[in-house]
Amino acid sequence: MAESINHELVQSLTEKFGEKILGVNEPYGLLTFETHKDIIINVLEFLKTNPIANFNFLTDITAVHYPEKKHGIAVVYHLHSMVKKVRIRVKVFIDEHNPTIPTLTGLWNSANWMERETYDLFG
């Protein structure tokens, strides 16, 4: 079931956001992709409200430092659809010298704490 949902989601995301959906893969069946920080709110809102999967739960937000990449910090979002029982990972690479990204608190109130913890970790 997750494989067919993943396929439908990739199609839907690509139709809506085009070339701003990058690096799509499925390690261990977990649909993972990258996008740009200027559309992250739109992408995550789409995932939350899209009836294909209805990702209604923000599992966590964290960041990973990739020193070999041009924009070396990836903000990583994990979402869970309680309805369809699938998960997804979304990454946004940001400039480590100007590490800013829009807040998700308008979509999930729980993002507040996770964003503050990630900021404290990477500041």
PDB file of N, CA and C in Angstrom:
ATOM      1  N   MET A   1       0.814  -1.186   0.000  1.00  0.00           N
ATOM      2  CA  MET A   1       0.000   0.000   0.000  1.00  0.00           C
ATOM      3  C   MET A   1       0.864   1.259   0.000  1.00  0.00           C
ATOM      4  N   ALA A   2       1.923   1.289   0.826  1.00  0.00           N
ATOM      5  CA  ALA A   2       2.781   2.471   0.904  1.00  0.00           C
ATOM      6  C   ALA A   2       3.439   2.761  -0.439  1.00  0.00           C
ATOM      7  N   GLU A   3       3.818   1.708  -1.167  1.00  0.00           N
ATOM      8  CA  GLU A   3       4.467   1.918  -2.469  1.00  0.00           C
ATOM      9  C   GLU A   3       3.547   2.633  -3.444  1.00  0.00           C
ATOM     10  N   SER A   4       2.284   2.236  -3.503  1.00  0.00           N
ATOM     11  CA  SER A   4       1.360   2.889  -4.430  1.00  0.00           C
ATOM     12  C   SER A   4       1.075   4.324  -3.992  1.00  0.00           C
ATOM     13  N   ILE A   5       0.966   4.551  -2.680  1.00  0.00           N
ATOM     14  CA  ILE A   5       0.766   5.915  -2.180  1.00  0.00           C
ATOM     15  C   ILE A   5       1.987   6.765  -2.497  1.00  0.00           C
ATOM     16  N   ASN A   6       3.185   6.211  -2.293  1.00  0.00           N
ATOM     17  CA  ASN A   6       4.411   6.949  -2.606  1.00  0.00           C
ATOM     18  C   ASN A   6       4.443   7.358  -4.068  1.00  0.00           C
ATOM     19  N   HIS A   7       4.083   6.436  -4.949  1.00  0.00           N
ATOM     20  CA  HIS A   7       4.072   6.725  -6.390  1.00  0.00           C
ATOM     21  C   HIS A   7       3.077   7.846  -6.704  1.00  0.00           C
ATOM     22  N   GLU A   8       1.883   7.755  -6.148  1.00  0.00           N
ATOM     23  CA  GLU A   8       0.869   8.797  -6.368  1.00  0.00           C
ATOM     24  C   GLU A   8       1.331  10.145  -5.826  1.00  0.00           C
ATOM     25  N   LEU A   9       1.974  10.131  -4.665  1.00  0.00           N
ATOM     26  CA  LEU A   9       2.455  11.377  -4.069  1.00  0.00           C
ATOM     27  C   LEU A   9       3.524  12.036  -4.928  1.00  0.00           C
ATOM     28  N   VAL A  10       4.461  11.246  -5.425  1.00  0.00           N
ATOM     29  CA  VAL A  10       5.513  11.796  -6.288  1.00  0.00           C
ATOM     30  C   VAL A  10       4.888  12.430  -7.519  1.00  0.00           C
ATOM     31  N   GLN A  11       3.925  11.756  -8.121  1.00  0.00           N
ATOM     32  CA  GLN A  11       3.234  12.316  -9.288  1.00  0.00           C
ATOM     33  C   GLN A  11       2.547  13.630  -8.933  1.00  0.00           C
ATOM     34  N   SER A  12       1.812  13.637  -7.839  1.00  0.00           N
ATOM     35  CA  SER A  12       1.082  14.830  -7.400  1.00  0.00           C
ATOM     36  C   SER A  12       2.025  15.988  -7.093  1.00  0.00           C
ATOM     37  N   LEU A  13       3.088  15.691  -6.354  1.00  0.00           N
ATOM     38  CA  LEU A  13       4.061  16.725  -5.998  1.00  0.00           C
ATOM     39  C   LEU A  13       4.733  17.305  -7.234  1.00  0.00           C
ATOM     40  N   THR A  14       5.103  16.438  -8.165  1.00  0.00           N
ATOM     41  CA  THR A  14       5.767  16.889  -9.388  1.00  0.00           C
ATOM     42  C   THR A  14       4.828  17.720 -10.246  1.00  0.00           C
ATOM     43  N   GLU A  15       3.571  17.314 -10.331  1.00  0.00           N
ATOM     44  CA  GLU A  15       2.593  18.102 -11.092  1.00  0.00           C
ATOM     45  C   GLU A  15       2.418  19.491 -10.487  1.00  0.00           C
ATOM     46  N   LYS A  16       2.369  19.566  -9.170  1.00  0.00           N
ATOM     47  CA  LYS A  16       2.110  20.848  -8.504  1.00  0.00           C
ATOM     48  C   LYS A  16       3.354  21.727  -8.393  1.00  0.00           C
ATOM     49  N   PHE A  17       4.512  21.135  -8.073  1.00  0.00           N
ATOM     50  CA  PHE A  17       5.700  21.931  -7.777  1.00  0.00           C
ATOM     51  C   PHE A  17       6.829  21.773  -8.796  1.00  0.00           C
ATOM     52  N   GLY A  18       6.669  20.874  -9.752  1.00  0.00           N
ATOM     53  CA  GLY A  18       7.624  20.735 -10.844  1.00  0.00           C
ATOM     54  C   GLY A  18       9.048  20.448 -10.404  1.00  0.00           C
ATOM     55  N   GLU A  19       9.976  21.236 -10.928  1.00  0.00           N
ATOM     56  CA  GLU A  19      11.408  21.015 -10.708  1.00  0.00           C
ATOM     57  C   GLU A  19      11.865  21.346  -9.292  1.00  0.00           C
ATOM     58  N   LYS A  20      10.975  21.837  -8.466  1.00  0.00           N
ATOM     59  CA  LYS A  20      11.354  22.153  -7.082  1.00  0.00           C
ATOM     60  C   LYS A  20      11.241  20.935  -6.163  1.00  0.00           C
ATOM     61  N   ILE A  21      10.867  19.793  -6.734  1.00  0.00           N
ATOM     62  CA  ILE A  21      10.884  18.523  -6.012  1.00  0.00           C
ATOM     63  C   ILE A  21      12.098  17.769  -6.536  1.00  0.00           C
ATOM     64  N   LEU A  22      13.086  17.569  -5.661  1.00  0.00           N
ATOM     65  CA  LEU A  22      14.391  17.039  -6.075  1.00  0.00           C
ATOM     66  C   LEU A  22      14.756  15.771  -5.311  1.00  0.00           C
ATOM     67  N   GLY A  23      15.694  15.021  -5.867  1.00  0.00           N
ATOM     68  CA  GLY A  23      16.299  13.901  -5.161  1.00  0.00           C
ATOM     69  C   GLY A  23      15.324  12.899  -4.577  1.00  0.00           C
ATOM     70  N   VAL A  24      14.298  12.563  -5.319  1.00  0.00           N
ATOM     71  CA  VAL A  24      13.281  11.629  -4.820  1.00  0.00           C
ATOM     72  C   VAL A  24      13.879  10.228  -4.732  1.00  0.00           C
ATOM     73  N   ASN A  25      13.752   9.600  -3.568  1.00  0.00           N
ATOM     74  CA  ASN A  25      14.135   8.200  -3.412  1.00  0.00           C
ATOM     75  C   ASN A  25      13.309   7.577  -2.287  1.00  0.00           C
ATOM     76  N   GLU A  26      13.475   6.284  -2.094  1.00  0.00           N
ATOM     77  CA  GLU A  26      12.679   5.562  -1.099  1.00  0.00           C
ATOM     78  C   GLU A  26      13.545   4.608  -0.286  1.00  0.00           C
ATOM     79  N   PRO A  27      14.441   5.127   0.543  1.00  0.00           N
ATOM     80  CA  PRO A  27      15.223   4.197   1.360  1.00  0.00           C
ATOM     81  C   PRO A  27      14.317   3.447   2.336  1.00  0.00           C
ATOM     82  N   TYR A  28      14.366   2.131   2.260  1.00  0.00           N
ATOM     83  CA  TYR A  28      13.551   1.268   3.118  1.00  0.00           C
ATOM     84  C   TYR A  28      12.056   1.580   3.021  1.00  0.00           C
ATOM     85  N   GLY A  29      11.618   2.031   1.848  1.00  0.00           N
ATOM     86  CA  GLY A  29      10.207   2.319   1.621  1.00  0.00           C
ATOM     87  C   GLY A  29       9.734   3.674   2.121  1.00  0.00           C
ATOM     88  N   LEU A  30      10.651   4.469   2.706  1.00  0.00           N
ATOM     89  CA  LEU A  30      10.288   5.791   3.223  1.00  0.00           C
ATOM     90  C   LEU A  30      10.515   6.830   2.129  1.00  0.00           C
ATOM     91  N   LEU A  31       9.433   7.332   1.550  1.00  0.00           N
ATOM     92  CA  LEU A  31       9.544   8.344   0.503  1.00  0.00           C
ATOM     93  C   LEU A  31      10.282   9.554   1.057  1.00  0.00           C
ATOM     94  N   THR A  32      11.357   9.937   0.368  1.00  0.00           N
ATOM     95  CA  THR A  32      12.214  11.037   0.791  1.00  0.00           C
ATOM     96  C   THR A  32      12.472  11.922  -0.409  1.00  0.00           C
ATOM     97  N   PHE A  33      12.399  13.235  -0.212  1.00  0.00           N
ATOM     98  CA  PHE A  33      12.747  14.157  -1.290  1.00  0.00           C
ATOM     99  C   PHE A  33      13.227  15.471  -0.704  1.00  0.00           C
ATOM    100  N   GLU A  34      13.833  16.274  -1.570  1.00  0.00           N
ATOM    101  CA  GLU A  34      14.303  17.605  -1.195  1.00  0.00           C
ATOM    102  C   GLU A  34      13.452  18.642  -1.908  1.00  0.00           C
ATOM    103  N   THR A  35      13.374  19.820  -1.302  1.00  0.00           N
ATOM    104  CA  THR A  35      12.705  20.946  -1.934  1.00  0.00           C
ATOM    105  C   THR A  35      13.399  22.222  -1.495  1.00  0.00           C
ATOM    106  N   HIS A  36      12.868  23.363  -1.901  1.00  0.00           N
ATOM    107  CA  HIS A  36      13.472  24.662  -1.596  1.00  0.00           C
ATOM    108  C   HIS A  36      12.760  25.322  -0.425  1.00  0.00           C
ATOM    109  N   LYS A  37      13.510  26.112   0.328  1.00  0.00           N
ATOM    110  CA  LYS A  37      12.908  26.743   1.511  1.00  0.00           C
ATOM    111  C   LYS A  37      11.827  27.755   1.161  1.00  0.00           C
ATOM    112  N   ASP A  38      11.886  28.323  -0.053  1.00  0.00           N
ATOM    113  CA  ASP A  38      10.870  29.315  -0.422  1.00  0.00           C
ATOM    114  C   ASP A  38       9.486  28.710  -0.636  1.00  0.00           C
ATOM    115  N   ILE A  39       9.409  27.390  -0.801  1.00  0.00           N
ATOM    116  CA  ILE A  39       8.096  26.751  -0.976  1.00  0.00           C
ATOM    117  C   ILE A  39       7.802  25.683   0.078  1.00  0.00           C
ATOM    118  N   ILE A  40       8.629  25.596   1.117  1.00  0.00           N
ATOM    119  CA  ILE A  40       8.450  24.521   2.093  1.00  0.00           C
ATOM    120  C   ILE A  40       7.069  24.553   2.751  1.00  0.00           C
ATOM    121  N   ILE A  41       6.568  25.720   3.062  1.00  0.00           N
ATOM    122  CA  ILE A  41       5.233  25.802   3.678  1.00  0.00           C
ATOM    123  C   ILE A  41       4.180  25.256   2.714  1.00  0.00           C
ATOM    124  N   ASN A  42       4.264  25.648   1.450  1.00  0.00           N
ATOM    125  CA  ASN A  42       3.296  25.177   0.451  1.00  0.00           C
ATOM    126  C   ASN A  42       3.374  23.662   0.277  1.00  0.00           C
ATOM    127  N   VAL A  43       4.590  23.123   0.237  1.00  0.00           N
ATOM    128  CA  VAL A  43       4.771  21.678   0.057  1.00  0.00           C
ATOM    129  C   VAL A  43       4.192  20.921   1.250  1.00  0.00           C
ATOM    130  N   LEU A  44       4.523  21.358   2.454  1.00  0.00           N
ATOM    131  CA  LEU A  44       4.036  20.646   3.636  1.00  0.00           C
ATOM    132  C   LEU A  44       2.531  20.817   3.836  1.00  0.00           C
ATOM    133  N   GLU A  45       2.006  21.969   3.482  1.00  0.00           N
ATOM    134  CA  GLU A  45       0.548  22.153   3.540  1.00  0.00           C
ATOM    135  C   GLU A  45      -0.141  21.227   2.535  1.00  0.00           C
ATOM    136  N   PHE A  46       0.448  21.097   1.352  1.00  0.00           N
ATOM    137  CA  PHE A  46      -0.074  20.183   0.336  1.00  0.00           C
ATOM    138  C   PHE A  46      -0.089  18.750   0.876  1.00  0.00           C
ATOM    139  N   LEU A  47       1.009  18.336   1.516  1.00  0.00           N
ATOM    140  CA  LEU A  47       1.076  16.981   2.065  1.00  0.00           C
ATOM    141  C   LEU A  47       0.069  16.783   3.201  1.00  0.00           C
ATOM    142  N   LYS A  48      -0.135  17.813   3.992  1.00  0.00           N
ATOM    143  CA  LYS A  48      -1.073  17.708   5.118  1.00  0.00           C
ATOM    144  C   LYS A  48      -2.520  17.593   4.643  1.00  0.00           C
ATOM    145  N   THR A  49      -2.866  18.313   3.593  1.00  0.00           N
ATOM    146  CA  THR A  49      -4.267  18.383   3.163  1.00  0.00           C
ATOM    147  C   THR A  49      -4.603  17.491   1.976  1.00  0.00           C
ATOM    148  N   ASN A  50      -3.603  16.916   1.336  1.00  0.00           N
ATOM    149  CA  ASN A  50      -3.836  16.091   0.157  1.00  0.00           C
ATOM    150  C   ASN A  50      -4.518  14.780   0.553  1.00  0.00           C
ATOM    151  N   PRO A  51      -5.645  14.450  -0.067  1.00  0.00           N
ATOM    152  CA  PRO A  51      -6.369  13.226   0.307  1.00  0.00           C
ATOM    153  C   PRO A  51      -5.636  11.929  -0.050  1.00  0.00           C
ATOM    154  N   ILE A  52      -4.600  11.994  -0.866  1.00  0.00           N
ATOM    155  CA  ILE A  52      -3.848  10.773  -1.195  1.00  0.00           C
ATOM    156  C   ILE A  52      -3.272  10.160   0.078  1.00  0.00           C
ATOM    157  N   ALA A  53      -2.742  10.997   0.962  1.00  0.00           N
ATOM    158  CA  ALA A  53      -2.134  10.451   2.174  1.00  0.00           C
ATOM    159  C   ALA A  53      -2.540  11.166   3.451  1.00  0.00           C
ATOM    160  N   ASN A  54      -2.869  12.446   3.384  1.00  0.00           N
ATOM    161  CA  ASN A  54      -3.307  13.188   4.566  1.00  0.00           C
ATOM    162  C   ASN A  54      -2.293  13.077   5.709  1.00  0.00           C
ATOM    163  N   PHE A  55      -1.110  13.655   5.501  1.00  0.00           N
ATOM    164  CA  PHE A  55      -0.063  13.630   6.526  1.00  0.00           C
ATOM    165  C   PHE A  55      -0.439  14.600   7.644  1.00  0.00           C
ATOM    166  N   ASN A  56      -1.205  14.091   8.587  1.00  0.00           N
ATOM    167  CA  ASN A  56      -1.788  14.927   9.628  1.00  0.00           C
ATOM    168  C   ASN A  56      -0.931  15.057  10.880  1.00  0.00           C
ATOM    169  N   PHE A  57       0.215  14.373  10.932  1.00  0.00           N
ATOM    170  CA  PHE A  57       1.039  14.389  12.138  1.00  0.00           C
ATOM    171  C   PHE A  57       2.480  14.741  11.796  1.00  0.00           C
ATOM    172  N   LEU A  58       2.981  15.798  12.412  1.00  0.00           N
ATOM    173  CA  LEU A  58       4.386  16.174  12.284  1.00  0.00           C
ATOM    174  C   LEU A  58       5.155  15.388  13.336  1.00  0.00           C
ATOM    175  N   THR A  59       5.888  14.377  12.892  1.00  0.00           N
ATOM    176  CA  THR A  59       6.610  13.514  13.823  1.00  0.00           C
ATOM    177  C   THR A  59       7.786  14.239  14.441  1.00  0.00           C
ATOM    178  N   ASP A  60       8.618  14.845  13.591  1.00  0.00           N
ATOM    179  CA  ASP A  60       9.732  15.617  14.125  1.00  0.00           C
ATOM    180  C   ASP A  60      10.341  16.541  13.083  1.00  0.00           C
ATOM    181  N   ILE A  61      11.115  17.472  13.599  1.00  0.00           N
ATOM    182  CA  ILE A  61      11.936  18.366  12.788  1.00  0.00           C
ATOM    183  C   ILE A  61      13.331  18.288  13.385  1.00  0.00           C
ATOM    184  N   THR A  62      14.309  18.129  12.531  1.00  0.00           N
ATOM    185  CA  THR A  62      15.690  18.139  12.990  1.00  0.00           C
ATOM    186  C   THR A  62      16.544  18.751  11.892  1.00  0.00           C
ATOM    187  N   ALA A  63      17.836  18.738  12.083  1.00  0.00           N
ATOM    188  CA  ALA A  63      18.752  19.229  11.057  1.00  0.00           C
ATOM    189  C   ALA A  63      19.972  18.324  11.023  1.00  0.00           C
ATOM    190  N   VAL A  64      20.600  18.275   9.864  1.00  0.00           N
ATOM    191  CA  VAL A  64      21.795  17.465   9.666  1.00  0.00           C
ATOM    192  C   VAL A  64      22.827  18.332   8.970  1.00  0.00           C
ATOM    193  N   HIS A  65      24.066  18.270   9.450  1.00  0.00           N
ATOM    194  CA  HIS A  65      25.142  19.032   8.826  1.00  0.00           C
ATOM    195  C   HIS A  65      25.844  18.159   7.789  1.00  0.00           C
ATOM    196  N   TYR A  66      25.884  18.637   6.551  1.00  0.00           N
ATOM    197  CA  TYR A  66      26.587  17.974   5.458  1.00  0.00           C
ATOM    198  C   TYR A  66      27.711  18.906   5.018  1.00  0.00           C
ATOM    199  N   PRO A  67      28.888  18.823   5.621  1.00  0.00           N
ATOM    200  CA  PRO A  67      29.950  19.791   5.318  1.00  0.00           C
ATOM    201  C   PRO A  67      30.424  19.760   3.869  1.00  0.00           C
ATOM    202  N   GLU A  68      30.206  18.664   3.160  1.00  0.00           N
ATOM    203  CA  GLU A  68      30.659  18.561   1.770  1.00  0.00           C
ATOM    204  C   GLU A  68      29.719  19.245   0.781  1.00  0.00           C
ATOM    205  N   LYS A  69      28.539  19.647   1.218  1.00  0.00           N
ATOM    206  CA  LYS A  69      27.564  20.282   0.318  1.00  0.00           C
ATOM    207  C   LYS A  69      27.681  21.799   0.382  1.00  0.00           C
ATOM    208  N   LYS A  70      27.288  22.449  -0.726  1.00  0.00           N
ATOM    209  CA  LYS A  70      27.339  23.912  -0.807  1.00  0.00           C
ATOM    210  C   LYS A  70      26.502  24.549   0.299  1.00  0.00           C
ATOM    211  N   HIS A  71      25.261  24.153   0.391  1.00  0.00           N
ATOM    212  CA  HIS A  71      24.391  24.596   1.482  1.00  0.00           C
ATOM    213  C   HIS A  71      24.367  23.454   2.480  1.00  0.00           C
ATOM    214  N   GLY A  72      25.233  23.543   3.474  1.00  0.00           N
ATOM    215  CA  GLY A  72      25.584  22.393   4.292  1.00  0.00           C
ATOM    216  C   GLY A  72      24.639  21.948   5.371  1.00  0.00           C
ATOM    217  N   ILE A  73      23.538  22.647   5.590  1.00  0.00           N
ATOM    218  CA  ILE A  73      22.604  22.208   6.630  1.00  0.00           C
ATOM    219  C   ILE A  73      21.283  21.808   5.983  1.00  0.00           C
ATOM    220  N   ALA A  74      20.844  20.605   6.304  1.00  0.00           N
ATOM    221  CA  ALA A  74      19.532  20.147   5.833  1.00  0.00           C
ATOM    222  C   ALA A  74      18.573  20.171   7.008  1.00  0.00           C
ATOM    223  N   VAL A  75      17.475  20.894   6.852  1.00  0.00           N
ATOM    224  CA  VAL A  75      16.385  20.810   7.821  1.00  0.00           C
ATOM    225  C   VAL A  75      15.523  19.646   7.346  1.00  0.00           C
ATOM    226  N   VAL A  76      15.250  18.718   8.249  1.00  0.00           N
ATOM    227  CA  VAL A  76      14.572  17.477   7.885  1.00  0.00           C
ATOM    228  C   VAL A  76      13.243  17.377   8.636  1.00  0.00           C
ATOM    229  N   TYR A  77      12.187  17.143   7.864  1.00  0.00           N
ATOM    230  CA  TYR A  77      10.838  17.014   8.415  1.00  0.00           C
ATOM    231  C   TYR A  77      10.367  15.581   8.202  1.00  0.00           C
ATOM    232  N   HIS A  78       9.831  14.968   9.243  1.00  0.00           N
ATOM    233  CA  HIS A  78       9.206  13.653   9.134  1.00  0.00           C
ATOM    234  C   HIS A  78       7.716  13.818   9.428  1.00  0.00           C
ATOM    235  N   LEU A  79       6.901  13.358   8.487  1.00  0.00           N
ATOM    236  CA  LEU A  79       5.447  13.429   8.634  1.00  0.00           C
ATOM    237  C   LEU A  79       4.877  12.018   8.655  1.00  0.00           C
ATOM    238  N   HIS A  80       3.728  11.868   9.312  1.00  0.00           N
ATOM    239  CA  HIS A  80       3.076  10.560   9.417  1.00  0.00           C
ATOM    240  C   HIS A  80       1.592  10.733   9.110  1.00  0.00           C
ATOM    241  N   SER A  81       1.089   9.868   8.260  1.00  0.00           N
ATOM    242  CA  SER A  81      -0.345   9.820   8.003  1.00  0.00           C
ATOM    243  C   SER A  81      -0.940   8.720   8.873  1.00  0.00           C
ATOM    244  N   MET A  82      -1.676   9.131   9.885  1.00  0.00           N
ATOM    245  CA  MET A  82      -2.335   8.156  10.755  1.00  0.00           C
ATOM    246  C   MET A  82      -3.446   7.428   9.999  1.00  0.00           C
ATOM    247  N   VAL A  83      -4.009   8.100   9.003  1.00  0.00           N
ATOM    248  CA  VAL A  83      -5.113   7.541   8.229  1.00  0.00           C
ATOM    249  C   VAL A  83      -4.616   6.429   7.304  1.00  0.00           C
ATOM    250  N   LYS A  84      -3.560   6.713   6.539  1.00  0.00           N
ATOM    251  CA  LYS A  84      -3.058   5.756   5.544  1.00  0.00           C
ATOM    252  C   LYS A  84      -1.898   4.910   6.054  1.00  0.00           C
ATOM    253  N   LYS A  85      -1.403   5.240   7.245  1.00  0.00           N
ATOM    254  CA  LYS A  85      -0.296   4.495   7.862  1.00  0.00           C
ATOM    255  C   LYS A  85       0.970   4.522   7.006  1.00  0.00           C
ATOM    256  N   VAL A  86       1.322   5.719   6.545  1.00  0.00           N
ATOM    257  CA  VAL A  86       2.567   5.909   5.795  1.00  0.00           C
ATOM    258  C   VAL A  86       3.312   7.111   6.369  1.00  0.00           C
ATOM    259  N   ARG A  87       4.606   7.140   6.086  1.00  0.00           N
ATOM    260  CA  ARG A  87       5.468   8.230   6.546  1.00  0.00           C
ATOM    261  C   ARG A  87       6.186   8.830   5.348  1.00  0.00           C
ATOM    262  N   ILE A  88       6.703  10.040   5.550  1.00  0.00           N
ATOM    263  CA  ILE A  88       7.441  10.722   4.493  1.00  0.00           C
ATOM    264  C   ILE A  88       8.519  11.586   5.142  1.00  0.00           C
ATOM    265  N   ARG A  89       9.625  11.764   4.418  1.00  0.00           N
ATOM    266  CA  ARG A  89      10.718  12.621   4.879  1.00  0.00           C
ATOM    267  C   ARG A  89      10.940  13.711   3.837  1.00  0.00           C
ATOM    268  N   VAL A  90      11.014  14.963   4.294  1.00  0.00           N
ATOM    269  CA  VAL A  90      11.241  16.102   3.405  1.00  0.00           C
ATOM    270  C   VAL A  90      12.474  16.842   3.906  1.00  0.00           C
ATOM    271  N   LYS A  91      13.410  17.124   2.982  1.00  0.00           N
ATOM    272  CA  LYS A  91      14.636  17.840   3.341  1.00  0.00           C
ATOM    273  C   LYS A  91      14.699  19.171   2.614  1.00  0.00           C
ATOM    274  N   VAL A  92      15.209  20.173   3.325  1.00  0.00           N
ATOM    275  CA  VAL A  92      15.455  21.484   2.733  1.00  0.00           C
ATOM    276  C   VAL A  92      16.871  21.884   3.115  1.00  0.00           C
ATOM    277  N   PHE A  93      17.725  22.102   2.108  1.00  0.00           N
ATOM    278  CA  PHE A  93      19.088  22.545   2.383  1.00  0.00           C
ATOM    279  C   PHE A  93      19.117  24.060   2.498  1.00  0.00           C
ATOM    280  N   ILE A  94      19.771  24.531   3.559  1.00  0.00           N
ATOM    281  CA  ILE A  94      19.868  25.976   3.792  1.00  0.00           C
ATOM    282  C   ILE A  94      21.331  26.370   3.966  1.00  0.00           C
ATOM    283  N   ASP A  95      21.593  27.631   3.758  1.00  0.00           N
ATOM    284  CA  ASP A  95      22.945  28.177   3.877  1.00  0.00           C
ATOM    285  C   ASP A  95      23.363  28.190   5.343  1.00  0.00           C
ATOM    286  N   GLU A  96      24.488  27.558   5.648  1.00  0.00           N
ATOM    287  CA  GLU A  96      24.915  27.499   7.045  1.00  0.00           C
ATOM    288  C   GLU A  96      25.353  28.858   7.587  1.00  0.00           C
ATOM    289  N   HIS A  97      25.620  29.827   6.703  1.00  0.00           N
ATOM    290  CA  HIS A  97      26.000  31.170   7.151  1.00  0.00           C
ATOM    291  C   HIS A  97      24.776  32.058   7.379  1.00  0.00           C
ATOM    292  N   ASN A  98      23.634  31.644   6.877  1.00  0.00           N
ATOM    293  CA  ASN A  98      22.369  32.354   7.085  1.00  0.00           C
ATOM    294  C   ASN A  98      21.267  31.304   7.263  1.00  0.00           C
ATOM    295  N   PRO A  99      21.299  30.584   8.391  1.00  0.00           N
ATOM    296  CA  PRO A  99      20.399  29.431   8.566  1.00  0.00           C
ATOM    297  C   PRO A  99      18.972  29.828   8.947  1.00  0.00           C
ATOM    298  N   THR A 100      18.215  30.286   7.956  1.00  0.00           N
ATOM    299  CA  THR A 100      16.823  30.661   8.213  1.00  0.00           C
ATOM    300  C   THR A 100      15.888  29.841   7.340  1.00  0.00           C
ATOM    301  N   ILE A 101      14.698  29.627   7.876  1.00  0.00           N
ATOM    302  CA  ILE A 101      13.666  28.892   7.145  1.00  0.00           C
ATOM    303  C   ILE A 101      12.314  29.285   7.755  1.00  0.00           C
ATOM    304  N   PRO A 102      11.256  29.338   6.959  1.00  0.00           N
ATOM    305  CA  PRO A 102       9.946  29.713   7.520  1.00  0.00           C
ATOM    306  C   PRO A 102       9.462  28.731   8.593  1.00  0.00           C
ATOM    307  N   THR A 103       8.699  29.246   9.525  1.00  0.00           N
ATOM    308  CA  THR A 103       8.147  28.417  10.601  1.00  0.00           C
ATOM    309  C   THR A 103       6.925  27.628  10.120  1.00  0.00           C
ATOM    310  N   LEU A 104       6.740  26.470  10.721  1.00  0.00           N
ATOM    311  CA  LEU A 104       5.580  25.626  10.409  1.00  0.00           C
ATOM    312  C   LEU A 104       4.462  25.763  11.433  1.00  0.00           C
ATOM    313  N   THR A 105       4.595  26.682  12.357  1.00  0.00           N
ATOM    314  CA  THR A 105       3.602  26.775  13.429  1.00  0.00           C
ATOM    315  C   THR A 105       2.200  27.102  12.928  1.00  0.00           C
ATOM    316  N   GLY A 106       2.086  27.657  11.734  1.00  0.00           N
ATOM    317  CA  GLY A 106       0.768  27.894  11.156  1.00  0.00           C
ATOM    318  C   GLY A 106       0.090  26.609  10.696  1.00  0.00           C
ATOM    319  N   LEU A 107       0.890  25.567  10.467  1.00  0.00           N
ATOM    320  CA  LEU A 107       0.346  24.263  10.054  1.00  0.00           C
ATOM    321  C   LEU A 107       0.213  23.301  11.235  1.00  0.00           C
ATOM    322  N   TRP A 108       1.239  23.277  12.083  1.00  0.00           N
ATOM    323  CA  TRP A 108       1.259  22.408  13.255  1.00  0.00           C
ATOM    324  C   TRP A 108       1.773  23.215  14.440  1.00  0.00           C
ATOM    325  N   ASN A 109       0.967  23.384  15.459  1.00  0.00           N
ATOM    326  CA  ASN A 109       1.421  24.091  16.665  1.00  0.00           C
ATOM    327  C   ASN A 109       2.623  23.405  17.298  1.00  0.00           C
ATOM    328  N   SER A 110       2.684  22.093  17.184  1.00  0.00           N
ATOM    329  CA  SER A 110       3.784  21.333  17.784  1.00  0.00           C
ATOM    330  C   SER A 110       5.135  21.670  17.162  1.00  0.00           C
ATOM    331  N   ALA A 111       5.143  22.304  16.004  1.00  0.00           N
ATOM    332  CA  ALA A 111       6.405  22.679  15.355  1.00  0.00           C
ATOM    333  C   ALA A 111       7.183  23.682  16.197  1.00  0.00           C
ATOM    334  N   ASN A 112       6.497  24.448  17.018  1.00  0.00           N
ATOM    335  CA  ASN A 112       7.145  25.486  17.813  1.00  0.00           C
ATOM    336  C   ASN A 112       8.311  24.929  18.621  1.00  0.00           C
ATOM    337  N   TRP A 113       8.051  23.911  19.407  1.00  0.00           N
ATOM    338  CA  TRP A 113       9.095  23.344  20.255  1.00  0.00           C
ATOM    339  C   TRP A 113      10.203  22.713  19.409  1.00  0.00           C
ATOM    340  N   MET A 114       9.829  21.954  18.389  1.00  0.00           N
ATOM    341  CA  MET A 114      10.825  21.275  17.553  1.00  0.00           C
ATOM    342  C   MET A 114      11.721  22.273  16.827  1.00  0.00           C
ATOM    343  N   GLU A 115      11.144  23.356  16.343  1.00  0.00           N
ATOM    344  CA  GLU A 115      11.934  24.384  15.663  1.00  0.00           C
ATOM    345  C   GLU A 115      12.911  25.049  16.636  1.00  0.00           C
ATOM    346  N   ARG A 116      12.461  25.325  17.853  1.00  0.00           N
ATOM    347  CA  ARG A 116      13.352  25.936  18.843  1.00  0.00           C
ATOM    348  C   ARG A 116      14.495  24.997  19.218  1.00  0.00           C
ATOM    349  N   GLU A 117      14.195  23.716  19.362  1.00  0.00           N
ATOM    350  CA  GLU A 117      15.242  22.745  19.682  1.00  0.00           C
ATOM    351  C   GLU A 117      16.263  22.632  18.548  1.00  0.00           C
ATOM    352  N   THR A 118      15.778  22.634  17.316  1.00  0.00           N
ATOM    353  CA  THR A 118      16.681  22.556  16.164  1.00  0.00           C
ATOM    354  C   THR A 118      17.534  23.816  16.081  1.00  0.00           C
ATOM    355  N   TYR A 119      16.936  24.963  16.344  1.00  0.00           N
ATOM    356  CA  TYR A 119      17.688  26.218  16.360  1.00  0.00           C
ATOM    357  C   TYR A 119      18.777  26.165  17.435  1.00  0.00           C
ATOM    358  N   ASP A 120      18.433  25.676  18.622  1.00  0.00           N
ATOM    359  CA  ASP A 120      19.426  25.572  19.695  1.00  0.00           C
ATOM    360  C   ASP A 120      20.562  24.630  19.320  1.00  0.00           C
ATOM    361  N   LEU A 121      20.245  23.600  18.569  1.00  0.00           N
ATOM    362  CA  LEU A 121      21.259  22.637  18.150  1.00  0.00           C
ATOM    363  C   LEU A 121      22.210  23.234  17.110  1.00  0.00           C
ATOM    364  N   PHE A 122      21.656  24.006  16.159  1.00  0.00           N
ATOM    365  CA  PHE A 122      22.458  24.531  15.053  1.00  0.00           C
ATOM    366  C   PHE A 122      22.628  26.042  15.067  1.00  0.00           C
ATOM    367  N   GLY A 123      21.735  26.751  15.778  1.00  0.00           N
ATOM    368  CA  GLY A 123      21.772  28.187  15.972  1.00  0.00           C
ATOM    369  C   GLY A 123      22.126  28.986  14.797  1.00  0.00           C
TER     370      GLY A 123
END
